[in-house]
C-alpha cells in the first residue's frame, strides 16, 4: 500500500545564536523564538523528522577537537 505525505517546515532560525568558545556541558544553539512545541499526536507510524543544520567552526590548534550533536525531544 502506498503512503502519500508532504513536507512541512516547523521552525526556522534565521540568524546566528550565541557564540560558545569554551564549554564542557551541553548547550543549546537554538534561539528561544525558534523553539517550537509540537501538537499532541504529532508523530504517527511512518512519520519522520528531518533536521538540517549549518554553522561555523573555529580553528582548534592545541587539541583534536570533539563535537557532538544532540536532537532532544522533551515530553
PDB file of N, CA and C in Angstrom:
ATOM      1  N   UNK A   1       0.845  -1.166   0.000  1.00  0.00           N
ATOM      2  CA  UNK A   1       0.000   0.000   0.000  1.00  0.00           C
ATOM      3  C   UNK A   1       0.897   1.237   0.000  1.00  0.00           C
ATOM      4  N   UNK A   2       0.558   2.203  -0.790  1.00  0.00           N
ATOM      5  CA  UNK A   2       1.362   3.417  -0.859  1.00  0.00           C
ATOM      6  C   UNK A   2       0.972   4.378   0.252  1.00  0.00           C
ATOM      7  N   UNK A   3       1.890   5.266   0.549  1.00  0.00           N
ATOM      8  CA  UNK A   3       1.658   6.275   1.592  1.00  0.00           C
ATOM      9  C   UNK A   3       1.881   7.643   0.979  1.00  0.00           C
ATOM     10  N   UNK A   4       0.886   8.476   1.027  1.00  0.00           N
ATOM     11  CA  UNK A   4       1.016   9.822   0.485  1.00  0.00           C
ATOM     12  C   UNK A   4       1.336  10.766   1.631  1.00  0.00           C
ATOM     13  N   UNK A   5       2.359  11.575   1.462  1.00  0.00           N
ATOM     14  CA  UNK A   5       2.744  12.503   2.509  1.00  0.00           C
ATOM     15  C   UNK A   5       3.187  13.818   1.927  1.00  0.00           C
ATOM     16  N   UNK A   6       3.564  14.725   2.781  1.00  0.00           N
ATOM     17  CA  UNK A   6       4.035  16.025   2.344  1.00  0.00           C
ATOM     18  C   UNK A   6       5.073  16.545   3.324  1.00  0.00           C
ATOM     19  N   UNK A   7       5.814  17.523   2.873  1.00  0.00           N
ATOM     20  CA  UNK A   7       6.828  18.153   3.714  1.00  0.00           C
ATOM     21  C   UNK A   7       6.258  19.427   4.299  1.00  0.00           C
ATOM     22  N   UNK A   8       6.590  19.699   5.523  1.00  0.00           N
ATOM     23  CA  UNK A   8       6.192  20.949   6.141  1.00  0.00           C
ATOM     24  C   UNK A   8       7.347  21.480   6.974  1.00  0.00           C
ATOM     25  N   UNK A   9       7.533  22.790   6.953  1.00  0.00           N
ATOM     26  CA  UNK A   9       8.558  23.424   7.765  1.00  0.00           C
ATOM     27  C   UNK A   9       7.945  23.771   9.110  1.00  0.00           C
ATOM     28  N   UNK A  10       8.582  23.299  10.170  1.00  0.00           N
ATOM     29  CA  UNK A  10       8.046  23.537  11.512  1.00  0.00           C
ATOM     30  C   UNK A  10       8.680  24.772  12.132  1.00  0.00           C
ATOM     31  N   UNK A  11       9.984  24.940  11.964  1.00  0.00           N
ATOM     32  CA  UNK A  11      10.680  26.078  12.565  1.00  0.00           C
ATOM     33  C   UNK A  11      11.888  26.445  11.729  1.00  0.00           C
ATOM     34  N   UNK A  12      12.220  27.733  11.744  1.00  0.00           N
ATOM     35  CA  UNK A  12      13.406  28.241  11.059  1.00  0.00           C
ATOM     36  C   UNK A  12      14.092  29.234  11.981  1.00  0.00           C
ATOM     37  N   UNK A  13      15.395  29.141  12.066  1.00  0.00           N
ATOM     38  CA  UNK A  13      16.189  30.137  12.792  1.00  0.00           C
ATOM     39  C   UNK A  13      16.977  30.906  11.749  1.00  0.00           C
ATOM     40  N   UNK A  14      16.729  32.180  11.642  1.00  0.00           N
ATOM     41  CA  UNK A  14      17.291  32.969  10.551  1.00  0.00           C
ATOM     42  C   UNK A  14      18.613  33.659  10.876  1.00  0.00           C
ATOM     43  N   UNK A  15      19.012  33.688  12.122  1.00  0.00           N
ATOM     44  CA  UNK A  15      20.271  34.347  12.474  1.00  0.00           C
ATOM     45  C   UNK A  15      21.068  33.465  13.426  1.00  0.00           C
ATOM     46  N   UNK A  16      22.325  33.798  13.570  1.00  0.00           N
ATOM     47  CA  UNK A  16      23.216  33.016  14.435  1.00  0.00           C
ATOM     48  C   UNK A  16      22.854  33.215  15.903  1.00  0.00           C
ATOM     49  N   UNK A  17      23.043  32.175  16.656  1.00  0.00           N
ATOM     50  CA  UNK A  17      22.795  32.239  18.098  1.00  0.00           C
ATOM     51  C   UNK A  17      24.073  32.656  18.813  1.00  0.00           C
ATOM     52  N   UNK A  18      24.085  32.508  20.105  1.00  0.00           N
ATOM     53  CA  UNK A  18      25.231  32.877  20.923  1.00  0.00           C
ATOM     54  C   UNK A  18      26.458  32.050  20.552  1.00  0.00           C
ATOM     55  N   UNK A  19      27.605  32.695  20.493  1.00  0.00           N
ATOM     56  CA  UNK A  19      28.865  32.011  20.219  1.00  0.00           C
ATOM     57  C   UNK A  19      29.405  31.413  21.516  1.00  0.00           C
ATOM     58  N   UNK A  20      29.675  30.126  21.507  1.00  0.00           N
ATOM     59  CA  UNK A  20      30.242  29.443  22.678  1.00  0.00           C
ATOM     60  C   UNK A  20      31.675  29.063  22.347  1.00  0.00           C
ATOM     61  N   UNK A  21      32.638  29.749  22.956  1.00  0.00           N
ATOM     62  CA  UNK A  21      34.043  29.453  22.706  1.00  0.00           C
ATOM     63  C   UNK A  21      34.531  28.284  23.548  1.00  0.00           C
ATOM     64  N   UNK A  22      34.169  28.256  24.804  1.00  0.00           N
ATOM     65  CA  UNK A  22      34.601  27.171  25.683  1.00  0.00           C
ATOM     66  C   UNK A  22      33.426  26.739  26.542  1.00  0.00           C
ATOM     67  N   UNK A  23      33.200  25.456  26.603  1.00  0.00           N
ATOM     68  CA  UNK A  23      32.170  24.916  27.478  1.00  0.00           C
ATOM     69  C   UNK A  23      32.412  23.430  27.635  1.00  0.00           C
ATOM     70  N   UNK A  24      31.888  22.871  28.723  1.00  0.00           N
ATOM     71  CA  UNK A  24      32.076  21.447  28.983  1.00  0.00           C
ATOM     72  C   UNK A  24      30.746  20.710  29.101  1.00  0.00           C
ATOM     73  N   UNK A  25      29.648  21.426  29.097  1.00  0.00           N
ATOM     74  CA  UNK A  25      28.334  20.796  29.170  1.00  0.00           C
ATOM     75  C   UNK A  25      27.549  21.098  27.901  1.00  0.00           C
ATOM     76  N   UNK A  26      26.470  20.384  27.710  1.00  0.00           N
ATOM     77  CA  UNK A  26      25.636  20.582  26.517  1.00  0.00           C
ATOM     78  C   UNK A  26      24.999  21.972  26.548  1.00  0.00           C
ATOM     79  N   UNK A  27      25.007  22.631  25.420  1.00  0.00           N
ATOM     80  CA  UNK A  27      24.417  23.961  25.269  1.00  0.00           C
ATOM     81  C   UNK A  27      23.465  23.942  24.089  1.00  0.00           C
ATOM     82  N   UNK A  28      22.438  24.750  24.151  1.00  0.00           N
ATOM     83  CA  UNK A  28      21.555  24.887  23.007  1.00  0.00           C
ATOM     84  C   UNK A  28      22.048  26.035  22.135  1.00  0.00           C
ATOM     85  N   UNK A  29      21.991  25.839  20.849  1.00  0.00           N
ATOM     86  CA  UNK A  29      22.362  26.900  19.917  1.00  0.00           C
ATOM     87  C   UNK A  29      21.128  27.421  19.201  1.00  0.00           C
ATOM     88  N   UNK A  30      19.965  27.028  19.679  1.00  0.00           N
ATOM     89  CA  UNK A  30      18.710  27.487  19.095  1.00  0.00           C
ATOM     90  C   UNK A  30      18.207  28.680  19.882  1.00  0.00           C
ATOM     91  N   UNK A  31      17.854  29.726  19.173  1.00  0.00           N
ATOM     92  CA  UNK A  31      17.313  30.909  19.831  1.00  0.00           C
ATOM     93  C   UNK A  31      15.909  30.599  20.354  1.00  0.00           C
ATOM     94  N   UNK A  32      15.514  31.229  21.461  1.00  0.00           N
ATOM     95  CA  UNK A  32      14.208  30.925  22.072  1.00  0.00           C
ATOM     96  C   UNK A  32      13.027  31.078  21.107  1.00  0.00           C
ATOM     97  N   UNK A  33      13.081  32.056  20.207  1.00  0.00           N
ATOM     98  CA  UNK A  33      11.954  32.237  19.288  1.00  0.00           C
ATOM     99  C   UNK A  33      11.874  31.144  18.222  1.00  0.00           C
ATOM    100  N   UNK A  34      12.915  30.342  18.070  1.00  0.00           N
ATOM    101  CA  UNK A  34      12.903  29.260  17.096  1.00  0.00           C
ATOM    102  C   UNK A  34      12.479  27.923  17.710  1.00  0.00           C
ATOM    103  N   UNK A  35      12.340  27.864  19.031  1.00  0.00           N
ATOM    104  CA  UNK A  35      11.878  26.643  19.683  1.00  0.00           C
ATOM    105  C   UNK A  35      10.379  26.488  19.462  1.00  0.00           C
ATOM    106  N   UNK A  36       9.931  25.290  19.220  1.00  0.00           N
ATOM    107  CA  UNK A  36       8.510  25.055  18.970  1.00  0.00           C
ATOM    108  C   UNK A  36       8.000  23.921  19.850  1.00  0.00           C
ATOM    109  N   UNK A  37       6.719  23.960  20.126  1.00  0.00           N
ATOM    110  CA  UNK A  37       6.039  22.850  20.797  1.00  0.00           C
ATOM    111  C   UNK A  37       5.237  22.104  19.744  1.00  0.00           C
ATOM    112  N   UNK A  38       5.452  20.823  19.662  1.00  0.00           N
ATOM    113  CA  UNK A  38       4.718  20.013  18.694  1.00  0.00           C
ATOM    114  C   UNK A  38       3.331  19.709  19.242  1.00  0.00           C
ATOM    115  N   UNK A  39       2.322  19.690  18.385  1.00  0.00           N
ATOM    116  CA  UNK A  39       0.963  19.408  18.860  1.00  0.00           C
ATOM    117  C   UNK A  39       0.823  17.957  19.299  1.00  0.00           C
ATOM    118  N   UNK A  40      -0.200  17.672  20.105  1.00  0.00           N
ATOM    119  CA  UNK A  40      -0.428  16.279  20.529  1.00  0.00           C
ATOM    120  C   UNK A  40      -0.612  15.370  19.321  1.00  0.00           C
ATOM    121  N   UNK A  41      -0.151  14.154  19.440  1.00  0.00           N
ATOM    122  CA  UNK A  41      -0.245  13.137  18.387  1.00  0.00           C
ATOM    123  C   UNK A  41       0.448  13.571  17.103  1.00  0.00           C
ATOM    124  N   UNK A  42       1.510  14.350  17.214  1.00  0.00           N
ATOM    125  CA  UNK A  42       2.250  14.801  16.043  1.00  0.00           C
ATOM    126  C   UNK A  42       2.906  13.635  15.324  1.00  0.00           C
ATOM    127  N   UNK A  43       3.498  12.720  16.088  1.00  0.00           N
ATOM    128  CA  UNK A  43       4.183  11.582  15.484  1.00  0.00           C
ATOM    129  C   UNK A  43       3.197  10.439  15.272  1.00  0.00           C
ATOM    130  N   UNK A  44       3.230   9.856  14.091  1.00  0.00           N
ATOM    131  CA  UNK A  44       2.416   8.693  13.773  1.00  0.00           C
ATOM    132  C   UNK A  44       3.320   7.668  13.093  1.00  0.00           C
ATOM    133  N   UNK A  45       2.800   6.507  12.850  1.00  0.00           N
ATOM    134  CA  UNK A  45       3.583   5.444  12.232  1.00  0.00           C
ATOM    135  C   UNK A  45       4.051   5.899  10.855  1.00  0.00           C
ATOM    136  N   UNK A  46       5.350   5.823  10.614  1.00  0.00           N
ATOM    137  CA  UNK A  46       5.917   6.191   9.333  1.00  0.00           C
ATOM    138  C   UNK A  46       6.319   7.652   9.210  1.00  0.00           C
ATOM    139  N   UNK A  47       5.993   8.473  10.198  1.00  0.00           N
ATOM    140  CA  UNK A  47       6.348   9.893  10.130  1.00  0.00           C
ATOM    141  C   UNK A  47       7.812  10.062  10.509  1.00  0.00           C
ATOM    142  N   UNK A  48       8.510  10.909   9.794  1.00  0.00           N
ATOM    143  CA  UNK A  48       9.917  11.144  10.076  1.00  0.00           C
ATOM    144  C   UNK A  48      10.137  12.616  10.385  1.00  0.00           C
ATOM    145  N   UNK A  49      11.233  12.890  11.018  1.00  0.00           N
ATOM    146  CA  UNK A  49      11.624  14.250  11.366  1.00  0.00           C
ATOM    147  C   UNK A  49      13.012  14.471  10.792  1.00  0.00           C
ATOM    148  N   UNK A  50      13.162  15.466   9.928  1.00  0.00           N
ATOM    149  CA  UNK A  50      14.464  15.764   9.334  1.00  0.00           C
ATOM    150  C   UNK A  50      14.968  17.074   9.913  1.00  0.00           C
ATOM    151  N   UNK A  51      16.187  17.061  10.405  1.00  0.00           N
ATOM    152  CA  UNK A  51      16.817  18.250  10.983  1.00  0.00           C
ATOM    153  C   UNK A  51      17.977  18.634  10.090  1.00  0.00           C
ATOM    154  N   UNK A  52      17.974  19.868   9.602  1.00  0.00           N
ATOM    155  CA  UNK A  52      19.096  20.392   8.812  1.00  0.00           C
ATOM    156  C   UNK A  52      19.747  21.505   9.619  1.00  0.00           C
ATOM    157  N   UNK A  53      21.050  21.471   9.689  1.00  0.00           N
ATOM    158  CA  UNK A  53      21.782  22.471  10.460  1.00  0.00           C
ATOM    159  C   UNK A  53      23.037  22.892   9.711  1.00  0.00           C
ATOM    160  N   UNK A  54      23.441  24.120   9.924  1.00  0.00           N
ATOM    161  CA  UNK A  54      24.708  24.602   9.379  1.00  0.00           C
ATOM    162  C   UNK A  54      25.292  25.584  10.374  1.00  0.00           C
ATOM    163  N   UNK A  55      26.577  25.765  10.304  1.00  0.00           N
ATOM    164  CA  UNK A  55      27.214  26.675  11.245  1.00  0.00           C
ATOM    165  C   UNK A  55      28.691  26.810  10.962  1.00  0.00           C
ATOM    166  N   UNK A  56      29.335  27.576  11.792  1.00  0.00           N
ATOM    167  CA  UNK A  56      30.762  27.791  11.653  1.00  0.00           C
ATOM    168  C   UNK A  56      31.516  27.137  12.797  1.00  0.00           C
ATOM    169  N   UNK A  57      32.686  26.643  12.490  1.00  0.00           N
ATOM    170  CA  UNK A  57      33.544  26.011  13.488  1.00  0.00           C
ATOM    171  C   UNK A  57      34.873  26.749  13.474  1.00  0.00           C
ATOM    172  N   UNK A  58      35.312  27.170  14.642  1.00  0.00           N
ATOM    173  CA  UNK A  58      36.578  27.887  14.702  1.00  0.00           C
ATOM    174  C   UNK A  58      37.747  26.895  14.657  1.00  0.00           C
ATOM    175  N   UNK A  59      38.931  27.412  14.477  1.00  0.00           N
ATOM    176  CA  UNK A  59      40.134  26.605  14.360  1.00  0.00           C
ATOM    177  C   UNK A  59      40.584  26.113  15.728  1.00  0.00           C
ATOM    178  N   UNK A  60      40.824  24.818  15.831  1.00  0.00           N
ATOM    179  CA  UNK A  60      41.334  24.238  17.075  1.00  0.00           C
ATOM    180  C   UNK A  60      42.788  23.846  16.823  1.00  0.00           C
ATOM    181  N   UNK A  61      43.715  24.484  17.545  1.00  0.00           N
ATOM    182  CA  UNK A  61      45.137  24.274  17.281  1.00  0.00           C
ATOM    183  C   UNK A  61      45.749  23.260  18.231  1.00  0.00           C
ATOM    184  N   UNK A  62      45.364  23.298  19.512  1.00  0.00           N
ATOM    185  CA  UNK A  62      46.093  22.523  20.507  1.00  0.00           C
ATOM    186  C   UNK A  62      45.563  21.124  20.746  1.00  0.00           C
ATOM    187  N   UNK A  63      44.315  20.839  20.419  1.00  0.00           N
ATOM    188  CA  UNK A  63      43.754  19.528  20.717  1.00  0.00           C
ATOM    189  C   UNK A  63      43.027  18.975  19.497  1.00  0.00           C
ATOM    190  N   UNK A  64      42.866  17.677  19.459  1.00  0.00           N
ATOM    191  CA  UNK A  64      41.986  17.134  18.422  1.00  0.00           C
ATOM    192  C   UNK A  64      40.542  17.415  18.843  1.00  0.00           C
ATOM    193  N   UNK A  65      39.849  18.238  18.133  1.00  0.00           N
ATOM    194  CA  UNK A  65      38.516  18.676  18.526  1.00  0.00           C
ATOM    195  C   UNK A  65      37.495  17.555  18.553  1.00  0.00           C
ATOM    196  N   UNK A  66      36.510  17.709  19.408  1.00  0.00           N
ATOM    197  CA  UNK A  66      35.416  16.755  19.514  1.00  0.00           C
ATOM    198  C   UNK A  66      34.120  17.545  19.495  1.00  0.00           C
ATOM    199  N   UNK A  67      33.198  17.120  18.664  1.00  0.00           N
ATOM    200  CA  UNK A  67      31.931  17.824  18.554  1.00  0.00           C
ATOM    201  C   UNK A  67      30.805  16.798  18.547  1.00  0.00           C
ATOM    202  N   UNK A  68      29.844  16.986  19.424  1.00  0.00           N
ATOM    203  CA  UNK A  68      28.689  16.097  19.497  1.00  0.00           C
ATOM    204  C   UNK A  68      27.427  16.900  19.230  1.00  0.00           C
ATOM    205  N   UNK A  69      26.525  16.356  18.445  1.00  0.00           N
ATOM    206  CA  UNK A  69      25.246  16.977  18.173  1.00  0.00           C
ATOM    207  C   UNK A  69      24.144  16.127  18.791  1.00  0.00           C
ATOM    208  N   UNK A  70      23.180  16.777  19.432  1.00  0.00           N
ATOM    209  CA  UNK A  70      22.056  16.083  20.028  1.00  0.00           C
ATOM    210  C   UNK A  70      20.765  16.724  19.562  1.00  0.00           C
ATOM    211  N   UNK A  71      19.804  15.899  19.233  1.00  0.00           N
ATOM    212  CA  UNK A  71      18.449  16.382  18.967  1.00  0.00           C
ATOM    213  C   UNK A  71      17.609  15.834  20.100  1.00  0.00           C
ATOM    214  N   UNK A  72      17.017  16.705  20.889  1.00  0.00           N
ATOM    215  CA  UNK A  72      16.287  16.308  22.084  1.00  0.00           C
ATOM    216  C   UNK A  72      14.811  16.622  21.889  1.00  0.00           C
ATOM    217  N   UNK A  73      13.989  15.638  22.113  1.00  0.00           N
ATOM    218  CA  UNK A  73      12.545  15.839  22.110  1.00  0.00           C
ATOM    219  C   UNK A  73      12.067  15.561  23.529  1.00  0.00           C
ATOM    220  N   UNK A  74      11.691  16.629  24.231  1.00  0.00           N
ATOM    221  CA  UNK A  74      11.268  16.511  25.617  1.00  0.00           C
ATOM    222  C   UNK A  74       9.758  16.316  25.683  1.00  0.00           C
ATOM    223  N   UNK A  75       9.328  15.434  26.563  1.00  0.00           N
ATOM    224  CA  UNK A  75       7.881  15.215  26.721  1.00  0.00           C
ATOM    225  C   UNK A  75       7.425  15.681  28.065  1.00  0.00           C
TER     226      UNK A  75
END
